[in-house]
């Protein structure tokens, strides 16, 4: 089926939010007398959210004592400056304009909580047809529920949707939802190359998305 809608993951796919997330982490490190981490060191962990940031910044996992308090601290600091250095990925604004020109609906499905997403999206000058956050359903990706909710809100059957993301969970969620999946290798992934995720296509630049619709 021809794609009638395109859904995007946010961090590392639609936008480069790594600088603001890294800034919050480095504020925590500075308060503890630790040197700041380079953005290159934190970028691969951004798609994991606060869990990933605490892992790279402090070697912590959710099983560690004090993890919940540290996570709350990190999120509070991030909330103070969610869209200072965050920018759309290079070439993405032109892609979104072309989708609208073709009358292809587009939206956002992210594991990022809505309290952050609903502030960042308008700050970037975006007007998606729908936004589904990590707390919009009881489940996070790779569960298909967030993607299916987005399709419902758009009024488009899942088979008519394409989901674009930079994490294996994105491909898994798309497959479980019955959507086409496109993996991006310009995002925040670590470990396996996106070409190994068995997505329907892998792209290296946002503009390449248009070739697969």
N, C-alpha and C. Protein backbone atom coordinates (compact mmCIF):
# COMPACT_ATOMS: atom_id res chain seq x y z
N UNK A 1 0.83 -1.19 0.00
CA UNK A 1 0.00 0.00 0.00
C UNK A 1 0.87 1.25 0.00
N UNK A 2 0.51 2.23 -0.80
CA UNK A 2 1.23 3.49 -0.82
C UNK A 2 1.09 4.18 0.53
N UNK A 3 2.17 4.79 0.99
CA UNK A 3 2.14 5.44 2.29
C UNK A 3 1.23 6.66 2.26
N UNK A 4 0.25 6.65 3.13
CA UNK A 4 -0.63 7.80 3.30
C UNK A 4 -0.22 8.65 4.48
N UNK A 5 0.66 8.10 5.31
CA UNK A 5 1.13 8.84 6.48
C UNK A 5 2.54 8.38 6.84
N UNK A 6 3.32 9.30 7.38
CA UNK A 6 4.66 9.00 7.85
C UNK A 6 4.73 9.40 9.32
N UNK A 7 5.17 8.48 10.15
CA UNK A 7 5.34 8.71 11.57
C UNK A 7 6.82 8.68 11.90
N UNK A 8 7.26 9.63 12.70
CA UNK A 8 8.68 9.75 13.03
C UNK A 8 8.92 9.53 14.52
N UNK A 9 9.97 8.80 14.83
CA UNK A 9 10.56 8.87 16.16
C UNK A 9 11.10 10.30 16.30
N UNK A 10 11.30 10.75 17.52
CA UNK A 10 11.74 12.13 17.71
C UNK A 10 13.26 12.25 17.86
N UNK A 11 13.78 11.80 19.01
CA UNK A 11 15.21 11.97 19.29
C UNK A 11 16.06 11.15 18.33
N UNK A 12 16.92 11.83 17.59
CA UNK A 12 17.84 11.14 16.71
C UNK A 12 17.28 10.82 15.33
N UNK A 13 16.00 11.06 15.13
CA UNK A 13 15.37 10.81 13.84
C UNK A 13 14.85 12.11 13.25
N UNK A 14 13.93 12.73 13.96
CA UNK A 14 13.37 14.01 13.52
C UNK A 14 14.25 15.17 13.96
N UNK A 15 14.76 15.09 15.18
CA UNK A 15 15.51 16.21 15.75
C UNK A 15 16.77 15.73 16.46
N UNK A 16 17.73 16.63 16.54
CA UNK A 16 18.97 16.41 17.29
C UNK A 16 18.80 17.07 18.65
N UNK A 17 18.37 16.28 19.61
CA UNK A 17 18.14 16.78 20.96
C UNK A 17 19.30 16.46 21.90
N UNK A 18 20.33 15.82 21.38
CA UNK A 18 21.45 15.38 22.21
C UNK A 18 22.11 16.52 22.99
N UNK A 19 22.30 17.71 22.39
CA UNK A 19 22.99 18.77 23.15
C UNK A 19 22.28 19.16 24.44
N UNK A 20 20.95 19.25 24.40
CA UNK A 20 20.23 19.65 25.61
C UNK A 20 20.19 18.54 26.65
N UNK A 21 20.10 17.29 26.21
CA UNK A 21 20.15 16.18 27.16
C UNK A 21 21.54 16.06 27.78
N UNK A 22 22.56 16.26 26.98
CA UNK A 22 23.93 16.21 27.50
C UNK A 22 24.18 17.35 28.48
N UNK A 23 23.59 18.50 28.22
CA UNK A 23 23.77 19.65 29.12
C UNK A 23 23.19 19.35 30.49
N UNK A 24 22.02 18.71 30.52
CA UNK A 24 21.42 18.35 31.81
C UNK A 24 22.30 17.35 32.55
N UNK A 25 22.82 16.38 31.83
CA UNK A 25 23.70 15.39 32.45
C UNK A 25 24.96 16.05 32.99
N UNK A 26 25.54 16.95 32.22
CA UNK A 26 26.79 17.58 32.66
C UNK A 26 26.57 18.54 33.83
N UNK A 27 25.36 19.08 33.97
CA UNK A 27 25.06 19.87 35.17
C UNK A 27 25.09 18.98 36.40
N UNK A 28 24.57 17.76 36.26
CA UNK A 28 24.62 16.81 37.37
C UNK A 28 26.06 16.44 37.70
N UNK A 29 26.85 16.21 36.67
CA UNK A 29 28.24 15.85 36.90
C UNK A 29 29.01 17.00 37.56
N UNK A 30 28.75 18.22 37.11
CA UNK A 30 29.44 19.38 37.68
C UNK A 30 29.11 19.54 39.16
N UNK A 31 27.86 19.29 39.52
CA UNK A 31 27.45 19.39 40.92
C UNK A 31 28.15 18.37 41.80
N UNK A 32 28.72 17.34 41.17
CA UNK A 32 29.41 16.29 41.91
C UNK A 32 30.92 16.34 41.69
N UNK A 33 31.37 17.44 41.13
CA UNK A 33 32.81 17.63 40.94
C UNK A 33 33.40 16.81 39.82
N UNK A 34 32.58 16.38 38.88
CA UNK A 34 33.05 15.57 37.76
C UNK A 34 33.19 16.44 36.51
N UNK A 35 34.12 16.08 35.65
CA UNK A 35 34.34 16.84 34.42
C UNK A 35 33.19 16.56 33.45
N UNK A 36 32.87 17.49 32.57
CA UNK A 36 31.78 17.26 31.61
C UNK A 36 32.17 16.21 30.58
N UNK A 37 31.17 15.51 30.08
CA UNK A 37 31.37 14.54 29.02
C UNK A 37 31.17 15.22 27.67
N UNK A 38 31.97 14.83 26.69
CA UNK A 38 31.81 15.37 25.35
C UNK A 38 30.51 14.88 24.76
N UNK A 39 29.91 15.68 23.90
CA UNK A 39 28.64 15.32 23.27
C UNK A 39 28.76 14.00 22.51
N UNK A 40 29.94 13.74 21.95
CA UNK A 40 30.14 12.51 21.20
C UNK A 40 30.02 11.27 22.09
N UNK A 41 30.36 11.44 23.37
CA UNK A 41 30.29 10.31 24.30
C UNK A 41 28.85 10.02 24.71
N UNK A 42 28.01 11.04 24.74
CA UNK A 42 26.63 10.85 25.20
C UNK A 42 25.65 10.55 24.08
N UNK A 43 25.97 10.99 22.87
CA UNK A 43 25.01 10.89 21.76
C UNK A 43 24.47 9.47 21.54
N UNK A 44 25.31 8.41 21.58
CA UNK A 44 24.77 7.07 21.31
C UNK A 44 23.74 6.59 22.32
N UNK A 45 23.63 7.27 23.49
CA UNK A 45 22.74 6.81 24.54
C UNK A 45 21.45 7.62 24.63
N UNK A 46 21.31 8.63 23.78
CA UNK A 46 20.18 9.54 23.88
C UNK A 46 18.85 8.82 23.68
N UNK A 47 18.79 7.89 22.74
CA UNK A 47 17.53 7.19 22.47
C UNK A 47 17.05 6.39 23.67
N UNK A 48 17.91 6.15 24.64
CA UNK A 48 17.54 5.41 25.84
C UNK A 48 16.99 6.33 26.93
N UNK A 49 16.92 7.65 26.64
CA UNK A 49 16.36 8.60 27.59
C UNK A 49 17.21 8.74 28.85
N UNK A 50 16.51 9.00 29.97
CA UNK A 50 17.22 9.19 31.23
C UNK A 50 18.04 7.97 31.63
N UNK A 51 17.52 6.80 31.31
CA UNK A 51 18.25 5.56 31.63
C UNK A 51 19.60 5.55 30.93
N UNK A 52 19.62 5.94 29.66
CA UNK A 52 20.86 5.97 28.92
C UNK A 52 21.81 7.04 29.40
N UNK A 53 21.26 8.21 29.75
CA UNK A 53 22.10 9.30 30.23
C UNK A 53 22.78 8.94 31.55
N UNK A 54 22.03 8.32 32.46
CA UNK A 54 22.63 7.94 33.74
C UNK A 54 23.63 6.81 33.57
N UNK A 55 23.41 5.99 32.58
CA UNK A 55 24.35 4.90 32.32
C UNK A 55 25.69 5.45 31.86
N UNK A 56 25.66 6.37 30.89
CA UNK A 56 26.93 6.89 30.37
C UNK A 56 27.55 7.90 31.33
N UNK A 57 26.71 8.62 32.08
CA UNK A 57 27.24 9.66 32.95
C UNK A 57 27.73 9.19 34.29
N UNK A 58 27.08 8.13 34.81
CA UNK A 58 27.42 7.66 36.16
C UNK A 58 27.55 6.15 36.27
N UNK A 59 27.41 5.43 35.16
CA UNK A 59 27.51 3.99 35.20
C UNK A 59 26.37 3.35 35.97
N UNK A 60 25.23 4.02 36.05
CA UNK A 60 24.10 3.53 36.83
C UNK A 60 23.11 2.75 35.97
N UNK A 61 22.42 1.80 36.60
CA UNK A 61 21.33 1.07 35.96
C UNK A 61 20.10 1.20 36.88
N UNK A 62 18.91 0.88 36.36
CA UNK A 62 17.72 0.97 37.20
C UNK A 62 17.75 0.08 38.44
N UNK A 63 18.66 -0.87 38.48
CA UNK A 63 18.75 -1.75 39.65
C UNK A 63 19.59 -1.15 40.78
N UNK A 64 20.28 -0.05 40.50
CA UNK A 64 21.16 0.54 41.50
C UNK A 64 20.37 1.35 42.54
N UNK A 65 20.85 1.31 43.77
CA UNK A 65 20.24 2.14 44.82
C UNK A 65 20.39 3.61 44.45
N UNK A 66 19.35 4.37 44.65
CA UNK A 66 19.41 5.80 44.35
C UNK A 66 19.13 6.15 42.91
N UNK A 67 18.85 5.13 42.08
CA UNK A 67 18.63 5.40 40.66
C UNK A 67 17.41 6.30 40.44
N UNK A 68 16.34 6.01 41.11
CA UNK A 68 15.11 6.78 40.89
C UNK A 68 15.31 8.25 41.22
N UNK A 69 16.02 8.54 42.32
CA UNK A 69 16.27 9.93 42.69
C UNK A 69 17.16 10.61 41.67
N UNK A 70 18.16 9.89 41.16
CA UNK A 70 19.04 10.46 40.14
C UNK A 70 18.28 10.72 38.85
N UNK A 71 17.40 9.81 38.49
CA UNK A 71 16.62 9.99 37.27
C UNK A 71 15.70 11.20 37.40
N UNK A 72 15.07 11.34 38.55
CA UNK A 72 14.19 12.49 38.78
C UNK A 72 14.99 13.79 38.70
N UNK A 73 16.18 13.79 39.26
CA UNK A 73 17.04 14.98 39.20
C UNK A 73 17.40 15.32 37.76
N UNK A 74 17.76 14.29 37.00
CA UNK A 74 18.12 14.52 35.61
C UNK A 74 16.94 15.10 34.83
N UNK A 75 15.77 14.52 34.99
CA UNK A 75 14.60 14.99 34.25
C UNK A 75 14.20 16.41 34.66
N UNK A 76 14.37 16.74 35.94
CA UNK A 76 14.07 18.09 36.40
C UNK A 76 15.01 19.11 35.76
N UNK A 77 16.28 18.76 35.66
CA UNK A 77 17.25 19.66 35.02
C UNK A 77 16.96 19.79 33.52
N UNK A 78 16.61 18.68 32.90
CA UNK A 78 16.28 18.72 31.47
C UNK A 78 15.04 19.59 31.23
N UNK A 79 14.08 19.50 32.13
CA UNK A 79 12.84 20.28 31.99
C UNK A 79 13.10 21.78 32.02
N UNK A 80 14.19 22.18 32.64
CA UNK A 80 14.52 23.60 32.72
C UNK A 80 15.03 24.16 31.40
N UNK A 81 15.49 23.29 30.52
CA UNK A 81 16.07 23.75 29.24
C UNK A 81 15.92 22.66 28.20
N UNK A 82 14.69 22.46 27.71
CA UNK A 82 14.44 21.36 26.79
C UNK A 82 14.74 21.69 25.34
N UNK A 83 14.73 22.97 25.00
CA UNK A 83 14.90 23.31 23.59
C UNK A 83 15.78 24.54 23.42
N UNK A 84 16.97 24.47 24.01
CA UNK A 84 17.95 25.54 23.87
C UNK A 84 18.82 25.30 22.64
N UNK A 85 19.34 24.09 22.54
CA UNK A 85 20.21 23.74 21.41
C UNK A 85 19.61 22.68 20.50
N UNK A 86 18.44 22.17 20.83
CA UNK A 86 17.79 21.16 20.01
C UNK A 86 17.38 21.74 18.66
N UNK A 87 17.67 21.02 17.59
CA UNK A 87 17.36 21.48 16.24
C UNK A 87 16.86 20.30 15.41
N UNK A 88 16.08 20.59 14.37
CA UNK A 88 15.71 19.54 13.43
C UNK A 88 16.95 18.99 12.77
N UNK A 89 16.92 17.71 12.42
CA UNK A 89 18.02 17.13 11.67
C UNK A 89 18.17 17.86 10.34
N UNK A 90 19.40 17.99 9.90
CA UNK A 90 19.67 18.70 8.65
C UNK A 90 18.86 18.09 7.49
N UNK A 91 18.13 18.94 6.81
CA UNK A 91 17.33 18.49 5.68
C UNK A 91 15.92 18.05 6.05
N UNK A 92 15.63 17.93 7.35
CA UNK A 92 14.32 17.41 7.75
C UNK A 92 13.20 18.41 7.49
N UNK A 93 13.44 19.68 7.68
CA UNK A 93 12.37 20.66 7.45
C UNK A 93 11.90 20.62 6.00
N UNK A 94 12.84 20.44 5.08
CA UNK A 94 12.48 20.35 3.66
C UNK A 94 11.68 19.09 3.37
N UNK A 95 12.03 17.99 4.05
CA UNK A 95 11.29 16.74 3.88
C UNK A 95 9.86 16.90 4.36
N UNK A 96 9.68 17.53 5.51
CA UNK A 96 8.33 17.72 6.04
C UNK A 96 7.50 18.61 5.11
N UNK A 97 8.13 19.61 4.55
CA UNK A 97 7.42 20.48 3.61
C UNK A 97 6.98 19.70 2.37
N UNK A 98 7.83 18.78 1.93
CA UNK A 98 7.49 17.98 0.75
C UNK A 98 6.37 16.99 1.07
N UNK A 99 6.38 16.43 2.26
CA UNK A 99 5.28 15.55 2.65
C UNK A 99 3.96 16.32 2.62
N UNK A 100 3.97 17.52 3.15
CA UNK A 100 2.75 18.31 3.15
C UNK A 100 2.33 18.67 1.72
N UNK A 101 3.31 18.94 0.86
CA UNK A 101 2.99 19.26 -0.53
C UNK A 101 2.33 18.07 -1.22
N UNK A 102 2.76 16.86 -0.83
CA UNK A 102 2.19 15.64 -1.41
C UNK A 102 0.91 15.19 -0.70
N UNK A 103 0.47 15.97 0.28
CA UNK A 103 -0.73 15.63 1.07
C UNK A 103 -0.55 14.31 1.81
N UNK A 104 0.68 14.05 2.27
CA UNK A 104 0.97 12.89 3.11
C UNK A 104 1.01 13.37 4.56
N UNK A 105 0.10 12.86 5.38
CA UNK A 105 0.07 13.27 6.78
C UNK A 105 1.33 12.80 7.49
N UNK A 106 1.78 13.57 8.48
CA UNK A 106 2.93 13.12 9.26
C UNK A 106 2.71 13.42 10.74
N UNK A 107 3.30 12.56 11.55
CA UNK A 107 3.18 12.73 12.98
C UNK A 107 4.41 12.23 13.71
N UNK A 108 4.36 12.29 15.02
CA UNK A 108 5.49 11.92 15.87
C UNK A 108 5.04 10.85 16.85
N UNK A 109 5.83 9.79 16.98
CA UNK A 109 5.62 8.76 18.00
C UNK A 109 6.95 8.56 18.70
N UNK A 110 7.01 8.94 19.95
CA UNK A 110 8.27 8.92 20.70
C UNK A 110 8.06 8.33 22.08
N UNK A 111 9.12 7.79 22.65
CA UNK A 111 9.07 7.34 24.04
C UNK A 111 9.30 8.49 25.01
N UNK A 112 9.63 9.68 24.49
CA UNK A 112 9.82 10.85 25.35
C UNK A 112 8.46 11.26 25.94
N UNK A 113 8.46 11.59 27.22
CA UNK A 113 7.21 11.97 27.89
C UNK A 113 6.60 13.21 27.24
N UNK A 114 5.28 13.28 27.28
CA UNK A 114 4.58 14.39 26.65
C UNK A 114 4.91 15.73 27.29
N UNK A 115 5.26 15.75 28.56
CA UNK A 115 5.56 17.04 29.20
C UNK A 115 6.78 17.70 28.58
N UNK A 116 7.64 16.91 27.96
CA UNK A 116 8.77 17.48 27.22
C UNK A 116 8.40 17.70 25.76
N UNK A 117 7.81 16.68 25.16
CA UNK A 117 7.52 16.72 23.74
C UNK A 117 6.59 17.87 23.37
N UNK A 118 5.55 18.09 24.18
CA UNK A 118 4.58 19.13 23.84
C UNK A 118 5.16 20.53 23.95
N UNK A 119 6.32 20.66 24.58
CA UNK A 119 7.00 21.96 24.63
C UNK A 119 8.01 22.10 23.48
N UNK A 120 8.70 21.02 23.17
CA UNK A 120 9.75 21.09 22.16
C UNK A 120 9.18 21.23 20.76
N UNK A 121 8.12 20.47 20.47
CA UNK A 121 7.57 20.45 19.10
C UNK A 121 7.18 21.85 18.62
N UNK A 122 6.38 22.61 19.36
CA UNK A 122 6.06 23.96 18.87
C UNK A 122 7.26 24.90 18.90
N UNK A 123 8.20 24.67 19.82
CA UNK A 123 9.39 25.52 19.87
C UNK A 123 10.23 25.37 18.60
N UNK A 124 10.12 24.22 17.95
CA UNK A 124 10.83 23.98 16.70
C UNK A 124 10.02 24.45 15.49
N UNK A 125 8.84 25.01 15.74
CA UNK A 125 8.00 25.49 14.65
C UNK A 125 7.30 24.39 13.89
N UNK A 126 7.04 23.25 14.56
CA UNK A 126 6.43 22.10 13.90
C UNK A 126 4.93 22.05 14.19
N UNK A 127 4.19 21.51 13.24
CA UNK A 127 2.74 21.33 13.41
C UNK A 127 2.34 19.96 12.89
N UNK A 128 2.76 18.89 13.57
CA UNK A 128 2.41 17.54 13.12
C UNK A 128 0.92 17.27 13.27
N UNK A 129 0.44 16.31 12.50
CA UNK A 129 -0.98 15.95 12.57
C UNK A 129 -1.31 15.21 13.86
N UNK A 130 -0.31 14.59 14.47
CA UNK A 130 -0.51 13.96 15.77
C UNK A 130 0.82 13.83 16.47
N UNK A 131 0.77 13.80 17.79
CA UNK A 131 1.96 13.55 18.62
C UNK A 131 1.58 12.54 19.68
N UNK A 132 2.28 11.42 19.69
CA UNK A 132 2.09 10.38 20.70
C UNK A 132 3.38 10.25 21.49
N UNK A 133 3.28 10.44 22.81
CA UNK A 133 4.45 10.39 23.66
C UNK A 133 4.55 9.09 24.43
N UNK A 134 5.59 9.01 25.22
CA UNK A 134 5.85 7.78 25.96
C UNK A 134 4.81 7.48 27.03
N UNK A 135 4.03 8.48 27.42
CA UNK A 135 2.99 8.26 28.41
C UNK A 135 1.59 8.43 27.82
N UNK A 136 1.49 8.37 26.50
CA UNK A 136 0.18 8.48 25.84
C UNK A 136 -0.58 7.15 25.86
N UNK A 137 0.14 6.05 26.02
CA UNK A 137 -0.47 4.72 26.15
C UNK A 137 0.21 4.03 27.33
N UNK A 138 -0.31 2.90 27.79
CA UNK A 138 0.35 2.19 28.89
C UNK A 138 1.66 1.53 28.49
N UNK A 139 2.00 1.57 27.20
CA UNK A 139 3.17 0.83 26.73
C UNK A 139 4.15 1.75 25.99
N UNK A 140 5.42 1.40 26.06
CA UNK A 140 6.47 2.06 25.30
C UNK A 140 6.86 1.20 24.11
N UNK A 141 7.42 1.84 23.06
CA UNK A 141 8.02 1.04 22.00
C UNK A 141 9.10 0.15 22.61
N UNK A 142 9.23 -1.10 22.18
CA UNK A 142 8.78 -1.68 20.90
C UNK A 142 7.36 -2.21 20.87
N UNK A 143 6.57 -1.98 21.93
CA UNK A 143 5.16 -2.36 21.86
C UNK A 143 4.48 -1.53 20.76
N UNK A 144 3.57 -2.12 20.00
CA UNK A 144 2.97 -1.38 18.89
C UNK A 144 1.90 -0.37 19.31
N UNK A 145 1.48 -0.37 20.57
CA UNK A 145 0.36 0.48 20.99
C UNK A 145 0.53 1.96 20.63
N UNK A 146 1.70 2.58 20.86
CA UNK A 146 1.83 3.99 20.50
C UNK A 146 1.65 4.25 19.00
N UNK A 147 2.18 3.36 18.17
CA UNK A 147 2.05 3.52 16.72
C UNK A 147 0.61 3.34 16.28
N UNK A 148 -0.06 2.37 16.88
CA UNK A 148 -1.46 2.13 16.52
C UNK A 148 -2.35 3.29 16.95
N UNK A 149 -2.03 3.92 18.08
CA UNK A 149 -2.78 5.09 18.51
C UNK A 149 -2.59 6.23 17.53
N UNK A 150 -1.37 6.42 17.04
CA UNK A 150 -1.11 7.47 16.07
C UNK A 150 -1.89 7.23 14.78
N UNK A 151 -1.90 5.99 14.31
CA UNK A 151 -2.65 5.67 13.09
C UNK A 151 -4.13 5.95 13.28
N UNK A 152 -4.64 5.60 14.46
CA UNK A 152 -6.05 5.86 14.74
C UNK A 152 -6.35 7.35 14.72
N UNK A 153 -5.46 8.13 15.33
CA UNK A 153 -5.68 9.58 15.36
C UNK A 153 -5.61 10.19 13.97
N UNK A 154 -4.80 9.62 13.10
CA UNK A 154 -4.68 10.12 11.73
C UNK A 154 -5.80 9.62 10.84
N UNK A 155 -6.49 8.57 11.28
CA UNK A 155 -7.53 7.98 10.45
C UNK A 155 -6.97 7.22 9.26
N UNK A 156 -5.76 6.66 9.46
CA UNK A 156 -5.08 5.91 8.40
C UNK A 156 -4.83 4.49 8.90
N UNK A 157 -5.14 3.46 8.11
CA UNK A 157 -4.87 2.09 8.56
C UNK A 157 -3.36 1.89 8.73
N UNK A 158 -2.95 1.06 9.67
CA UNK A 158 -1.52 0.84 9.89
C UNK A 158 -0.76 0.49 8.62
N UNK A 159 -1.37 -0.29 7.73
CA UNK A 159 -0.67 -0.68 6.50
C UNK A 159 -0.39 0.52 5.59
N UNK A 160 -1.09 1.61 5.82
CA UNK A 160 -0.86 2.81 5.02
C UNK A 160 0.13 3.77 5.65
N UNK A 161 0.75 3.34 6.77
CA UNK A 161 1.70 4.19 7.49
C UNK A 161 3.13 3.67 7.35
N UNK A 162 4.07 4.58 7.34
CA UNK A 162 5.49 4.26 7.39
C UNK A 162 6.05 4.86 8.67
N UNK A 163 6.80 4.05 9.42
CA UNK A 163 7.41 4.56 10.66
C UNK A 163 8.92 4.65 10.47
N UNK A 164 9.48 5.79 10.87
CA UNK A 164 10.89 6.09 10.67
C UNK A 164 11.56 6.25 12.03
N UNK A 165 12.65 5.51 12.26
CA UNK A 165 13.31 5.60 13.56
C UNK A 165 14.77 5.20 13.52
N UNK A 166 15.48 5.54 14.59
CA UNK A 166 16.92 5.29 14.66
C UNK A 166 17.29 4.22 15.67
N UNK A 167 16.30 3.45 16.13
CA UNK A 167 16.57 2.43 17.14
C UNK A 167 15.90 1.13 16.72
N UNK A 168 16.49 0.01 17.10
CA UNK A 168 15.91 -1.29 16.79
C UNK A 168 14.47 -1.40 17.29
N UNK A 169 14.20 -0.79 18.43
CA UNK A 169 12.83 -0.82 18.98
C UNK A 169 11.83 -0.20 18.01
N UNK A 170 12.28 0.80 17.23
CA UNK A 170 11.39 1.44 16.28
C UNK A 170 10.99 0.47 15.17
N UNK A 171 11.96 -0.28 14.69
CA UNK A 171 11.68 -1.27 13.65
C UNK A 171 10.77 -2.36 14.20
N UNK A 172 11.05 -2.80 15.41
CA UNK A 172 10.24 -3.85 16.02
C UNK A 172 8.80 -3.38 16.24
N UNK A 173 8.64 -2.14 16.67
CA UNK A 173 7.30 -1.59 16.91
C UNK A 173 6.53 -1.47 15.60
N UNK A 174 7.21 -1.01 14.55
CA UNK A 174 6.56 -0.87 13.25
C UNK A 174 6.10 -2.22 12.73
N UNK A 175 6.96 -3.22 12.85
CA UNK A 175 6.61 -4.55 12.38
C UNK A 175 5.41 -5.10 13.15
N UNK A 176 5.42 -4.91 14.47
CA UNK A 176 4.32 -5.41 15.30
C UNK A 176 3.01 -4.69 15.00
N UNK A 177 3.12 -3.42 14.55
CA UNK A 177 1.92 -2.64 14.25
C UNK A 177 1.42 -2.85 12.83
N UNK A 178 2.18 -3.57 12.02
CA UNK A 178 1.80 -3.79 10.64
C UNK A 178 2.10 -2.61 9.74
N UNK A 179 3.12 -1.83 10.11
CA UNK A 179 3.53 -0.68 9.32
C UNK A 179 4.85 -0.96 8.61
N UNK A 180 5.11 -0.20 7.54
CA UNK A 180 6.43 -0.23 6.91
C UNK A 180 7.41 0.44 7.87
N UNK A 181 8.65 -0.03 7.87
CA UNK A 181 9.67 0.53 8.75
C UNK A 181 10.84 1.05 7.93
N UNK A 182 11.32 2.22 8.30
CA UNK A 182 12.53 2.77 7.70
C UNK A 182 13.49 3.13 8.83
N UNK A 183 14.67 2.54 8.81
CA UNK A 183 15.69 2.81 9.81
C UNK A 183 16.62 3.90 9.30
N UNK A 184 17.06 4.77 10.20
CA UNK A 184 18.01 5.82 9.82
C UNK A 184 19.34 5.54 10.48
N UNK A 185 20.41 5.71 9.70
CA UNK A 185 21.73 5.47 10.28
C UNK A 185 22.47 6.75 10.62
N UNK A 186 21.72 7.87 10.63
CA UNK A 186 22.31 9.13 11.04
C UNK A 186 21.93 9.48 12.49
N UNK A 187 21.24 8.57 13.18
CA UNK A 187 20.72 8.87 14.51
C UNK A 187 21.65 8.52 15.65
N UNK A 188 21.06 8.11 16.77
CA UNK A 188 21.81 7.93 18.01
C UNK A 188 22.10 6.48 18.35
N UNK A 189 21.84 5.58 17.44
CA UNK A 189 22.00 4.16 17.73
C UNK A 189 23.44 3.80 18.10
N UNK A 190 23.56 2.72 18.83
CA UNK A 190 24.88 2.16 19.15
C UNK A 190 24.80 0.66 18.94
N UNK A 191 25.94 0.04 18.80
CA UNK A 191 25.94 -1.41 18.59
C UNK A 191 25.72 -1.76 17.13
N UNK A 192 24.74 -2.61 16.86
CA UNK A 192 24.50 -3.06 15.50
C UNK A 192 24.19 -1.90 14.56
N UNK A 193 24.65 -2.03 13.32
CA UNK A 193 24.31 -1.03 12.32
C UNK A 193 22.83 -1.20 11.96
N UNK A 194 22.12 -0.10 11.73
CA UNK A 194 20.69 -0.19 11.39
C UNK A 194 20.39 -1.10 10.20
N UNK A 195 21.34 -1.26 9.30
CA UNK A 195 21.11 -2.14 8.16
C UNK A 195 20.88 -3.59 8.59
N UNK A 196 21.26 -3.92 9.83
CA UNK A 196 21.11 -5.28 10.34
C UNK A 196 19.76 -5.50 11.02
N UNK A 197 18.91 -4.48 11.06
CA UNK A 197 17.65 -4.58 11.81
C UNK A 197 16.50 -5.15 10.97
N UNK A 198 16.77 -5.42 9.70
CA UNK A 198 15.73 -5.96 8.82
C UNK A 198 14.54 -5.03 8.64
N UNK A 199 14.83 -3.72 8.62
CA UNK A 199 13.79 -2.75 8.28
C UNK A 199 13.49 -2.86 6.79
N UNK A 200 12.40 -2.28 6.37
CA UNK A 200 12.06 -2.31 4.94
C UNK A 200 13.02 -1.47 4.12
N UNK A 201 13.67 -0.49 4.75
CA UNK A 201 14.68 0.32 4.07
C UNK A 201 15.54 0.98 5.14
N UNK A 202 16.75 1.35 4.77
CA UNK A 202 17.65 2.09 5.65
C UNK A 202 18.13 3.33 4.90
N UNK A 203 18.09 4.48 5.54
CA UNK A 203 18.50 5.72 4.89
C UNK A 203 19.60 6.40 5.69
N UNK A 204 20.40 7.22 4.98
CA UNK A 204 21.52 7.91 5.61
C UNK A 204 21.29 9.42 5.71
N UNK A 205 20.19 9.89 5.12
CA UNK A 205 19.86 11.33 5.16
C UNK A 205 18.35 11.45 5.06
N UNK A 206 17.75 12.42 5.77
CA UNK A 206 16.30 12.56 5.71
C UNK A 206 15.73 12.63 4.30
N UNK A 207 16.43 13.29 3.38
CA UNK A 207 15.91 13.44 2.02
C UNK A 207 15.67 12.10 1.34
N UNK A 208 16.43 11.07 1.73
CA UNK A 208 16.27 9.75 1.11
C UNK A 208 14.92 9.12 1.43
N UNK A 209 14.27 9.61 2.47
CA UNK A 209 12.97 9.08 2.84
C UNK A 209 11.98 9.21 1.68
N UNK A 210 12.05 10.31 0.99
CA UNK A 210 11.08 10.59 -0.08
C UNK A 210 11.13 9.55 -1.20
N UNK A 211 12.28 8.89 -1.35
CA UNK A 211 12.42 7.87 -2.39
C UNK A 211 11.67 6.59 -2.06
N UNK A 212 11.26 6.44 -0.78
CA UNK A 212 10.64 5.18 -0.33
C UNK A 212 9.15 5.31 -0.06
N UNK A 213 8.56 6.42 -0.50
CA UNK A 213 7.14 6.63 -0.25
C UNK A 213 6.30 6.44 -1.50
